Amino acid sequence: AQAFQSYARDNDLSSVHILFCTLEEQSLLHDRADYARRLSTQYHWINRDYASFDDYLADLRSARRKQIKKERRQVHAHNLTIERLTGDDIKPEHMEAMWSFYMDTGNRKWGSPYLNRVWFDLIHAQFRDRMLLVMARDSTGRYVAGTLNFYKGAHLYGRYWGCREYYPGLHFELCFYQLIEFAIERKMLLFEAGAQGEHKFLRGFATRPCHSLHWFGHPEGQRAIRDFLKQEEAHVATAIERMNSVSPLKHLRTS
């Protein structure tokens, strides 16, 4: 950690940020290397030894179960074919479709897509044994939407979504429900679907703490940010407790 600080100083960099560290790593580096620690949140789906998707639904309150079933019926009514592809079943044409979805999403949201076409070719060539694509085809066989996901061991990570056409409920089907089914079938412990999104919370993703460390080369800036993060931490801890207390997951809900 001190080496990061030295590198930043030597290269005229303003700050160092260590993200997604464990609580133990955070405590160690905070004490030894003058990093400011931050508490934030993510929404994680946790496998409670579910044998099926219906087992997961049974863990939810009635209103949420009904909503999820309604959303899945909507998708089936569109006459779409849903495919899950891993490993050598992922072909160049699938990556071409995902690239087009990725660019379409970035352009429609006035974003600046930071991944190039070569990146998609590289992960297909070198990383497809840990990749899961969930793709939707219309009645003509054309791919209209898809998600790019990665997995390792007992953890599944959702990363990119895109579509050519809008279908009600399809985003939730490809980004959440198909991946939850995949995780259950493979007996995975955790599905992390990316940052933000109360829509995840409403579908049985628990609000979980997320830890990071931050160092700023300007001493006054470091002190100011450290003071702010101390105040923020108390509010975030309270928010996590309150969110889970009203969770649609019956075992978390206390009110």
Protein backbone atom coordinates (compact mmCIF):
# COMPACT_ATOMS: atom_id res chain seq x y z
CA ALA A 1 0.00 0.00 0.00
CA GLN A 2 2.85 2.40 0.77
CA ALA A 3 4.37 1.44 -2.58
CA PHE A 4 1.19 2.72 -4.25
CA GLN A 5 1.64 6.05 -2.50
CA SER A 6 5.29 6.27 -3.56
CA TYR A 7 4.35 5.46 -7.14
CA ALA A 8 1.68 8.16 -7.10
CA ARG A 9 4.12 10.76 -5.80
CA ASP A 10 6.83 9.78 -8.28
CA ASN A 11 4.41 10.01 -11.20
CA ASP A 12 2.59 13.17 -10.09
CA LEU A 13 -0.68 11.32 -9.47
CA SER A 14 -3.18 12.91 -7.12
CA SER A 15 -4.62 9.85 -5.39
CA VAL A 16 -4.72 6.09 -4.84
CA HIS A 17 -7.92 4.04 -4.60
CA ILE A 18 -8.17 0.39 -3.50
CA LEU A 19 -11.63 -0.98 -4.21
CA PHE A 20 -13.49 -4.09 -3.06
CA CYS A 21 -11.02 -4.92 -0.32
CA THR A 22 -11.97 -7.18 2.56
CA LEU A 23 -12.74 -5.73 5.96
CA GLU A 24 -9.47 -7.19 7.27
CA GLU A 25 -7.44 -5.61 4.45
CA GLN A 26 -9.17 -2.31 5.03
CA SER A 27 -8.38 -2.29 8.74
CA LEU A 28 -4.73 -3.24 8.17
CA LEU A 29 -4.02 -0.61 5.52
CA HIS A 30 -5.99 2.08 7.30
CA ASP A 31 -3.85 1.62 10.40
CA ARG A 32 -0.47 1.27 8.68
CA ALA A 33 -0.55 3.48 5.59
CA ASP A 34 -2.80 6.47 6.29
CA TYR A 35 -5.58 5.47 3.93
CA ALA A 36 -9.08 6.82 4.45
CA ARG A 37 -11.60 4.00 4.56
CA ARG A 38 -15.03 4.12 3.00
CA LEU A 39 -18.16 2.08 3.59
CA SER A 40 -20.56 1.80 0.66
CA THR A 41 -23.15 -0.72 -0.50
CA GLN A 42 -23.92 -3.21 -3.22
CA TYR A 43 -26.86 -5.54 -3.79
CA HIS A 44 -25.97 -9.24 -3.71
CA TRP A 45 -28.11 -12.30 -4.35
CA ILE A 46 -27.16 -15.01 -1.87
CA ASN A 47 -27.94 -18.69 -2.41
CA ARG A 48 -29.65 -20.13 0.66
CA ASP A 49 -29.29 -23.73 -0.54
CA TYR A 50 -32.07 -23.28 -3.09
CA ALA A 51 -32.85 -26.36 -5.14
CA SER A 52 -34.86 -24.44 -7.73
CA PHE A 53 -36.03 -20.99 -8.80
CA ASP A 54 -39.31 -21.71 -7.02
CA ASP A 55 -37.38 -22.20 -3.77
CA TYR A 56 -35.93 -18.72 -4.22
CA LEU A 57 -39.40 -17.31 -4.90
CA ALA A 58 -40.69 -18.97 -1.73
CA ASP A 59 -38.19 -16.88 0.25
CA LEU A 60 -39.87 -13.67 -0.97
CA ARG A 61 -42.97 -11.94 0.24
CA SER A 62 -46.11 -12.64 -1.75
CA ALA A 63 -46.27 -9.32 -3.63
CA ARG A 64 -42.74 -9.70 -4.98
CA ARG A 65 -43.32 -13.33 -5.98
CA LYS A 66 -46.36 -12.29 -8.00
CA GLN A 67 -44.47 -9.45 -9.68
CA ILE A 68 -41.57 -11.68 -10.72
CA LYS A 69 -43.91 -14.33 -12.10
CA LYS A 70 -45.74 -11.62 -14.05
CA GLU A 71 -42.48 -10.32 -15.52
CA ARG A 72 -41.43 -13.80 -16.61
CA ARG A 73 -44.82 -14.42 -18.24
CA GLN A 74 -44.40 -11.19 -20.20
CA VAL A 75 -41.14 -12.45 -21.67
CA HIS A 76 -42.62 -15.80 -22.66
CA ALA A 77 -45.48 -13.98 -24.40
CA HIS A 78 -43.00 -12.26 -26.75
CA ASN A 79 -42.15 -15.59 -28.41
CA LEU A 80 -38.46 -15.10 -27.69
CA THR A 81 -35.90 -17.89 -27.37
CA ILE A 82 -33.54 -17.51 -24.40
CA GLU A 83 -30.09 -19.12 -24.61
CA ARG A 84 -27.38 -19.53 -21.99
CA LEU A 85 -23.95 -19.98 -23.52
CA THR A 86 -20.66 -20.85 -21.84
CA GLY A 87 -17.20 -21.97 -22.93
CA ASP A 88 -16.84 -23.27 -26.48
CA ASP A 89 -20.56 -22.79 -27.13
CA ILE A 90 -19.81 -19.06 -27.33
CA LYS A 91 -19.04 -18.29 -30.98
CA PRO A 92 -17.68 -15.16 -32.70
CA GLU A 93 -21.19 -14.26 -33.87
CA HIS A 94 -22.35 -14.14 -30.25
CA MET A 95 -19.55 -11.74 -29.35
CA GLU A 96 -20.39 -9.62 -32.40
CA ALA A 97 -23.96 -9.35 -31.16
CA MET A 98 -22.80 -8.45 -27.64
CA TRP A 99 -20.53 -5.77 -29.07
CA SER A 100 -23.45 -4.22 -30.94
CA PHE A 101 -25.59 -4.32 -27.78
CA TYR A 102 -22.82 -2.71 -25.76
CA MET A 103 -22.37 0.13 -28.24
CA ASP A 104 -26.11 0.69 -28.54
CA THR A 105 -26.49 0.99 -24.76
CA GLY A 106 -23.58 3.42 -24.50
CA ASN A 107 -24.84 5.59 -27.33
CA ARG A 108 -28.43 5.71 -26.11
CA LYS A 109 -27.38 6.74 -22.61
CA TRP A 110 -25.14 9.52 -23.91
CA GLY A 111 -22.23 7.61 -22.45
CA SER A 112 -18.73 7.04 -23.69
CA PRO A 113 -18.17 3.30 -24.21
CA TYR A 114 -14.67 2.57 -22.98
CA LEU A 115 -14.30 -1.00 -24.26
CA ASN A 116 -13.27 -1.50 -27.88
CA ARG A 117 -14.04 -4.30 -30.31
CA VAL A 118 -10.64 -5.93 -29.75
CA TRP A 119 -11.47 -6.38 -26.04
CA PHE A 120 -14.49 -8.51 -26.94
CA ASP A 121 -12.32 -10.68 -29.20
CA LEU A 122 -9.68 -11.06 -26.47
CA ILE A 123 -12.06 -12.19 -23.74
CA HIS A 124 -13.63 -14.64 -26.17
CA ALA A 125 -10.23 -16.08 -27.05
CA GLN A 126 -8.76 -16.14 -23.55
CA PHE A 127 -11.59 -16.06 -21.03
CA ARG A 128 -14.61 -17.87 -22.41
CA ASP A 129 -14.22 -20.73 -19.91
CA ARG A 130 -15.37 -18.25 -17.26
CA MET A 131 -17.89 -16.41 -19.38
CA LEU A 132 -21.69 -16.72 -19.47
CA LEU A 133 -23.75 -15.08 -22.20
CA VAL A 134 -27.51 -14.96 -21.85
CA MET A 135 -29.00 -14.11 -25.25
CA ALA A 136 -32.53 -13.59 -26.57
CA ARG A 137 -33.54 -14.37 -30.18
CA ASP A 138 -36.75 -13.28 -31.85
CA SER A 139 -38.94 -15.48 -34.06
CA THR A 140 -36.67 -14.83 -37.07
CA GLY A 141 -33.60 -16.08 -35.20
CA ARG A 142 -32.06 -12.64 -34.83
CA TYR A 143 -30.41 -11.80 -31.51
CA VAL A 144 -32.23 -8.85 -29.96
CA ALA A 145 -30.72 -8.64 -26.46
CA GLY A 146 -28.04 -10.14 -24.27
CA THR A 147 -25.96 -9.99 -21.12
CA LEU A 148 -22.24 -10.58 -20.63
CA ASN A 149 -21.34 -12.21 -17.32
CA PHE A 150 -18.36 -13.89 -15.67
CA TYR A 151 -18.03 -16.56 -13.01
CA LYS A 152 -15.32 -18.17 -10.95
CA GLY A 153 -15.74 -20.79 -8.28
CA ALA A 154 -18.91 -20.09 -6.33
CA HIS A 155 -19.35 -16.47 -7.48
CA LEU A 156 -21.20 -15.06 -10.51
CA TYR A 157 -20.76 -11.49 -11.76
CA GLY A 158 -23.18 -9.69 -14.06
CA ARG A 159 -21.49 -6.99 -16.14
CA TYR A 160 -23.05 -5.74 -19.39
CA TRP A 161 -26.54 -5.63 -20.84
CA GLY A 162 -27.80 -4.36 -24.15
CA CYS A 163 -30.66 -4.73 -26.61
CA ARG A 164 -31.72 -3.80 -30.12
CA GLU A 165 -35.43 -3.72 -29.33
CA TYR A 166 -37.45 -3.14 -26.18
CA TYR A 167 -39.52 -5.98 -24.74
CA PRO A 168 -41.28 -5.55 -21.38
CA GLY A 169 -39.62 -7.66 -18.70
CA LEU A 170 -36.70 -8.79 -20.86
CA HIS A 171 -34.08 -6.78 -18.95
CA PHE A 172 -35.04 -8.48 -15.67
CA GLU A 173 -35.15 -11.91 -17.31
CA LEU A 174 -31.66 -11.69 -18.82
CA CYS A 175 -29.96 -9.68 -16.08
CA PHE A 176 -31.45 -11.38 -13.02
CA TYR A 177 -33.74 -14.38 -13.35
CA GLN A 178 -31.74 -16.41 -15.86
CA LEU A 179 -28.59 -15.75 -13.84
CA ILE A 180 -30.25 -16.73 -10.57
CA GLU A 181 -31.34 -19.99 -12.19
CA PHE A 182 -27.78 -20.55 -13.45
CA ALA A 183 -26.36 -19.91 -9.98
CA ILE A 184 -28.84 -22.31 -8.37
CA GLU A 185 -28.13 -25.04 -10.93
CA ARG A 186 -24.38 -24.69 -10.37
CA LYS A 187 -24.76 -24.37 -6.59
CA MET A 188 -23.05 -21.01 -6.56
CA LEU A 189 -23.10 -19.03 -3.35
CA LEU A 190 -23.26 -15.44 -4.56
CA PHE A 191 -24.43 -13.43 -7.58
CA GLU A 192 -23.19 -9.85 -7.78
CA ALA A 193 -25.10 -7.98 -10.48
CA GLY A 194 -23.14 -4.73 -10.53
CA ALA A 195 -23.36 -1.35 -8.87
CA GLN A 196 -26.49 0.62 -7.99
CA GLY A 197 -30.07 -0.33 -8.55
CA GLU A 198 -32.90 -0.54 -6.04
CA HIS A 199 -34.60 -2.73 -8.65
CA LYS A 200 -32.17 -5.43 -7.48
CA PHE A 201 -33.23 -4.95 -3.86
CA LEU A 202 -36.88 -5.41 -4.84
CA ARG A 203 -36.01 -8.79 -6.38
CA GLY A 204 -34.38 -10.35 -3.36
CA PHE A 205 -30.86 -8.95 -3.50
CA ALA A 206 -29.60 -8.21 0.01
CA THR A 207 -28.00 -4.86 0.79
CA ARG A 208 -24.38 -5.67 1.65
CA PRO A 209 -21.45 -3.55 2.89
CA CYS A 210 -18.67 -2.79 0.43
CA HIS A 211 -15.25 -1.59 1.61
CA SER A 212 -12.62 0.59 -0.08
CA LEU A 213 -9.54 2.66 0.79
CA HIS A 214 -8.50 6.08 -0.50
CA TRP A 215 -5.37 8.20 -0.27
CA PHE A 216 -4.93 11.75 -1.54
CA GLY A 217 -1.56 13.41 -1.93
CA HIS A 218 -2.78 16.79 -0.73
CA PRO A 219 -2.66 16.67 3.12
CA GLU A 220 -5.57 19.06 3.66
CA GLY A 221 -7.63 17.24 1.08
CA GLN A 222 -6.88 13.92 2.76
CA ARG A 223 -8.00 15.26 6.15
CA ALA A 224 -11.20 16.75 4.73
CA ILE A 225 -12.12 13.57 2.87
CA ARG A 226 -11.30 11.40 5.89
CA ASP A 227 -13.59 13.53 8.08
CA PHE A 228 -16.39 13.30 5.53
CA LEU A 229 -16.05 9.52 5.17
CA LYS A 230 -16.25 9.07 8.94
CA GLN A 231 -19.57 10.90 8.97
CA GLU A 232 -20.80 9.09 5.88
CA GLU A 233 -19.97 5.67 7.36
CA ALA A 234 -22.48 6.03 10.17
CA HIS A 235 -25.25 6.99 7.72
CA VAL A 236 -24.41 4.13 5.35
CA ALA A 237 -24.39 1.56 8.18
CA THR A 238 -27.82 2.79 9.27
CA ALA A 239 -29.10 2.66 5.68
CA ILE A 240 -27.95 -0.96 5.28
CA GLU A 241 -29.77 -1.96 8.44
CA ARG A 242 -32.94 -0.13 7.42
CA MET A 243 -32.95 -1.46 3.87
CA ASN A 244 -32.63 -5.06 4.98
CA SER A 245 -35.30 -4.55 7.63
CA VAL A 246 -37.84 -3.92 4.85
CA SER A 247 -36.38 -6.45 2.41
CA PRO A 248 -38.74 -8.59 0.32
CA LEU A 249 -36.68 -11.51 1.67
CA LYS A 250 -38.69 -12.84 4.57
CA HIS A 251 -35.67 -13.99 6.59
CA LEU A 252 -34.17 -10.46 6.56
CA ARG A 253 -37.31 -8.44 7.06
CA THR A 254 -38.02 -7.22 10.58
CA SER A 255 -40.91 -4.85 9.92
